[in-house]
Protein backbone atom coordinates (compact mmCIF):
# COMPACT_ATOMS: atom_id res chain seq x y z
CA UNK A 1 81.45 61.74 -8.32
CA UNK A 2 79.94 65.17 -8.95
CA UNK A 3 77.82 63.96 -11.84
CA UNK A 4 76.43 61.07 -9.75
CA UNK A 5 75.33 63.55 -7.10
CA UNK A 6 73.80 65.81 -9.74
CA UNK A 7 71.87 62.90 -11.21
CA UNK A 8 70.52 62.00 -7.78
CA UNK A 9 69.30 65.59 -7.43
CA UNK A 10 67.61 65.27 -10.83
CA UNK A 11 65.76 62.16 -9.69
CA UNK A 12 64.16 64.23 -6.93
CA UNK A 13 63.54 67.40 -8.91
CA UNK A 14 62.66 65.91 -12.27
CA UNK A 15 59.24 67.50 -12.61
CA UNK A 16 60.20 71.16 -12.41
CA UNK A 17 57.45 72.22 -14.79
CA UNK A 18 53.71 71.81 -14.96
CA UNK A 19 52.78 69.15 -17.49
CA UNK A 20 50.42 70.24 -20.25
CA UNK A 21 48.60 68.19 -22.88
CA UNK A 22 48.36 69.25 -26.52
CA UNK A 23 47.28 67.26 -29.59
CA UNK A 24 47.80 63.90 -27.97
CA UNK A 25 46.07 60.54 -28.03
CA UNK A 26 43.67 59.70 -25.18
CA UNK A 27 46.29 57.37 -23.71
CA UNK A 28 48.97 60.09 -23.80
CA UNK A 29 46.65 62.65 -22.21
CA UNK A 30 45.78 60.23 -19.43
CA UNK A 31 49.47 59.47 -18.89
CA UNK A 32 50.24 63.18 -18.52
CA UNK A 33 47.38 63.73 -16.10
CA UNK A 34 48.46 60.82 -13.90
CA UNK A 35 52.11 61.92 -14.05
CA UNK A 36 51.09 65.40 -12.91
CA UNK A 37 49.02 63.96 -10.04
CA UNK A 38 52.07 62.08 -8.74
CA UNK A 39 54.18 65.24 -8.97
CA UNK A 40 51.58 67.30 -7.12
CA UNK A 41 51.59 64.87 -4.21
CA UNK A 42 55.31 65.41 -3.67
CA UNK A 43 55.74 69.09 -4.47
CA UNK A 44 52.25 70.41 -3.67
CA UNK A 45 51.35 72.67 -0.75
CA UNK A 46 50.73 69.73 1.63
CA UNK A 47 54.05 68.03 0.92
CA UNK A 48 55.05 64.38 1.28
CA UNK A 49 57.49 62.08 3.07
CA UNK A 50 59.04 58.78 1.98
CA UNK A 51 61.97 56.40 2.29
CA UNK A 52 64.08 55.78 -0.79
CA UNK A 53 66.85 53.71 -2.32
CA UNK A 54 68.90 54.89 -5.30
CA UNK A 55 70.88 52.64 -7.62
CA UNK A 56 73.05 53.64 -10.59
CA UNK A 57 74.56 50.54 -12.16
CA UNK A 58 76.90 49.05 -9.55
CA UNK A 59 78.92 52.23 -9.09
CA UNK A 60 76.63 54.35 -6.94
CA UNK A 61 73.95 53.55 -4.39
CA UNK A 62 72.33 55.41 -1.54
CA UNK A 63 69.31 55.19 0.71
CA UNK A 64 67.55 57.38 3.21
CA UNK A 65 64.41 59.37 3.89
CA UNK A 66 63.01 62.51 2.29
CA UNK A 67 60.50 65.24 3.10
CA UNK A 68 59.30 67.65 0.41
CA UNK A 69 56.93 70.59 0.40
CA UNK A 70 56.96 73.16 -2.38
CA UNK A 71 60.54 74.42 -2.72
CA UNK A 72 61.52 73.10 0.73
CA UNK A 73 63.11 69.75 1.46
CA UNK A 74 64.91 67.62 3.99
CA UNK A 75 66.77 64.38 3.41
CA UNK A 76 68.74 61.97 5.56
CA UNK A 77 71.29 59.31 4.62
CA UNK A 78 73.89 57.33 6.53
CA UNK A 79 76.46 60.06 5.82
CA UNK A 80 74.50 63.31 5.88
CA UNK A 81 71.40 65.31 6.75
CA UNK A 82 70.24 68.14 4.50
CA UNK A 83 67.82 70.91 5.44
CA UNK A 84 66.66 73.24 2.65
CA UNK A 85 64.15 75.93 3.64
CA UNK A 86 64.03 77.35 0.11
CA UNK A 87 66.50 80.14 0.85
CA UNK A 88 69.37 78.41 2.66
CA UNK A 89 70.60 74.82 2.50
CA UNK A 90 72.41 73.22 5.44
CA UNK A 91 74.40 70.02 4.86
CA UNK A 92 75.47 68.19 8.00
CA UNK A 93 78.25 65.71 7.32
CA UNK A 94 78.13 62.94 9.88
CA UNK A 95 81.45 61.87 11.31
CA UNK A 96 83.20 65.01 10.09
CA UNK A 97 81.76 67.44 12.62
CA UNK A 98 80.91 70.11 10.07
CA UNK A 99 77.79 71.76 8.67
CA UNK A 100 78.07 73.43 5.27
CA UNK A 101 75.82 76.33 4.30
CA UNK A 102 74.86 76.57 0.62
CA UNK A 103 72.63 78.68 -1.58
CA UNK A 104 70.02 76.26 -3.02
CA UNK A 105 69.51 78.53 -6.02
CA UNK A 106 73.06 77.78 -7.19
CA UNK A 107 71.98 74.26 -8.14
CA UNK A 108 69.70 75.71 -10.79
CA UNK A 109 72.74 77.26 -12.51
CA UNK A 110 74.84 74.09 -12.45
CA UNK A 111 75.98 73.42 -16.03
CA UNK A 112 75.75 69.67 -15.53
CA UNK A 113 72.19 69.90 -14.22
CA UNK A 114 71.23 72.03 -17.21
CA UNK A 115 72.16 69.13 -19.49
CA UNK A 116 69.50 67.07 -17.74
CA UNK A 117 66.88 69.83 -17.61
CA UNK A 118 63.41 68.33 -17.93
CA UNK A 119 61.04 69.86 -20.47
CA UNK A 120 57.69 67.98 -20.42
CA UNK A 121 56.94 68.88 -24.04
CA UNK A 122 60.10 67.08 -25.22
CA UNK A 123 58.52 63.69 -24.54
CA UNK A 124 55.79 61.38 -25.78
CA UNK A 125 53.74 59.87 -22.94
CA UNK A 126 52.18 56.45 -22.53
CA UNK A 127 50.45 54.66 -19.66
CA UNK A 128 50.16 50.91 -19.09
CA UNK A 129 48.29 49.02 -16.40
CA UNK A 130 50.41 46.25 -14.87
CA UNK A 131 50.02 43.82 -12.01
CA UNK A 132 52.35 45.95 -9.88
CA UNK A 133 50.76 49.31 -10.72
CA UNK A 134 50.56 51.97 -13.43
CA UNK A 135 53.64 52.49 -15.59
CA UNK A 136 54.07 55.94 -17.12
CA UNK A 137 56.62 55.92 -19.94
CA UNK A 138 58.20 59.08 -21.35
CA UNK A 139 60.26 58.81 -24.54
CA UNK A 140 62.09 61.79 -25.99
CA UNK A 141 60.72 63.10 -29.29
CA UNK A 142 63.05 62.89 -32.31
CA UNK A 143 65.51 65.76 -32.54
CA UNK A 144 65.09 67.14 -29.01
CA UNK A 145 68.18 68.16 -27.07
CA UNK A 146 69.02 66.86 -23.63
CA UNK A 147 70.57 63.76 -22.13
CA UNK A 148 67.40 62.11 -20.82
CA UNK A 149 65.87 59.98 -23.54
CA UNK A 150 63.69 57.53 -21.62
CA UNK A 151 61.92 57.91 -18.27
CA UNK A 152 59.66 55.42 -16.49
CA UNK A 153 57.51 56.12 -13.42
CA UNK A 154 55.77 53.22 -11.66
CA UNK A 155 52.83 54.39 -9.54
CA UNK A 156 50.36 52.71 -7.22
CA UNK A 157 47.03 52.11 -8.90
CA UNK A 158 44.32 54.38 -7.52
CA UNK A 159 46.48 56.47 -5.19
CA UNK A 160 49.14 57.34 -7.82
CA UNK A 161 51.81 57.21 -5.11
CA UNK A 162 55.28 56.71 -6.65
CA UNK A 163 56.85 53.30 -6.29
CA UNK A 164 59.82 53.56 -8.65
CA UNK A 165 61.37 56.17 -10.96
CA UNK A 166 63.89 55.23 -13.65
CA UNK A 167 65.87 57.46 -15.99
CA UNK A 168 67.97 56.23 -18.91
CA UNK A 169 71.00 58.40 -19.60
CA UNK A 170 73.21 57.33 -22.50
CA UNK A 171 73.63 53.55 -22.06
CA UNK A 172 72.70 53.10 -18.40
CA UNK A 173 69.69 53.37 -16.09
CA UNK A 174 69.40 55.21 -12.79
CA UNK A 175 66.67 53.93 -10.44
CA UNK A 176 65.02 55.30 -7.31
CA UNK A 177 62.71 53.09 -5.25
CA UNK A 178 60.08 54.61 -2.92
CA UNK A 179 58.56 53.11 0.22
CA UNK A 180 56.46 54.33 3.17
CA UNK A 181 55.17 57.17 1.02
CA UNK A 182 52.83 59.56 2.87
CA UNK A 183 51.18 62.62 1.34
CA UNK A 184 50.40 65.69 3.46
CA UNK A 185 50.95 66.57 7.09
CA UNK A 186 54.43 68.07 6.62
CA UNK A 187 55.34 70.72 9.18
CA UNK A 188 57.52 73.60 7.88
CA UNK A 189 59.67 73.29 11.02
CA UNK A 190 61.17 70.13 9.50
CA UNK A 191 63.08 72.24 6.98
CA UNK A 192 64.77 74.50 9.54
CA UNK A 193 68.29 73.54 10.63
CA UNK A 194 68.21 72.94 14.42
CA UNK A 195 71.54 74.59 15.20
CA UNK A 196 71.07 74.10 18.96
CA UNK A 197 71.22 70.31 18.52
CA UNK A 198 74.70 70.44 17.00
CA UNK A 199 76.66 72.93 19.16
CA UNK A 200 79.99 71.17 18.56
CA UNK A 201 79.73 71.18 14.76
CA UNK A 202 81.84 73.66 12.81
CA UNK A 203 79.80 75.90 10.46
CA UNK A 204 81.36 76.34 7.01
CA UNK A 205 79.71 78.96 4.79
CA UNK A 206 80.05 77.87 1.12
CA UNK A 207 77.79 80.58 -0.35
């Protein structure tokens, strides 16, 4: 199960680098620019909120809501609520009466996550206009290391809001579907764990 959870984290933190364009065709340069615009809406200084559904074959699925702003985030699912203020991550496990405290920086050292580390220069980019939006396709260049070989991002035409993100790992696809996407207007208070609302929950420090 650990690798499923790690892959879900990758789906949300895929674009951990600024995309740059070098010696590319006009189509590839446009694809990179549009891809970067979509990333900036989620992780930029104004932040974004959205509902999502995740599907990995028929063995893992999840849905919930997310709020992102810079290195801060909050997410809710049927089983948990996560607050990450950039320095401390709180994971409330519904039905278990506990709140775990984690160091969000530890995720960056996870050996499994490192296998899926995204380097924008490892891919060739292409953009297609379709009836349902703009499809950005990233295919790994020959000889590059890493487990992600094919990535597709479907964006709304004009607004560049994400509609769907797909990653092919080995022989299967992982998909995340976005809805109710809103850019900006994210209050930093959202990322602070409201301890006073959960007085009966046991705090477990996992740092």
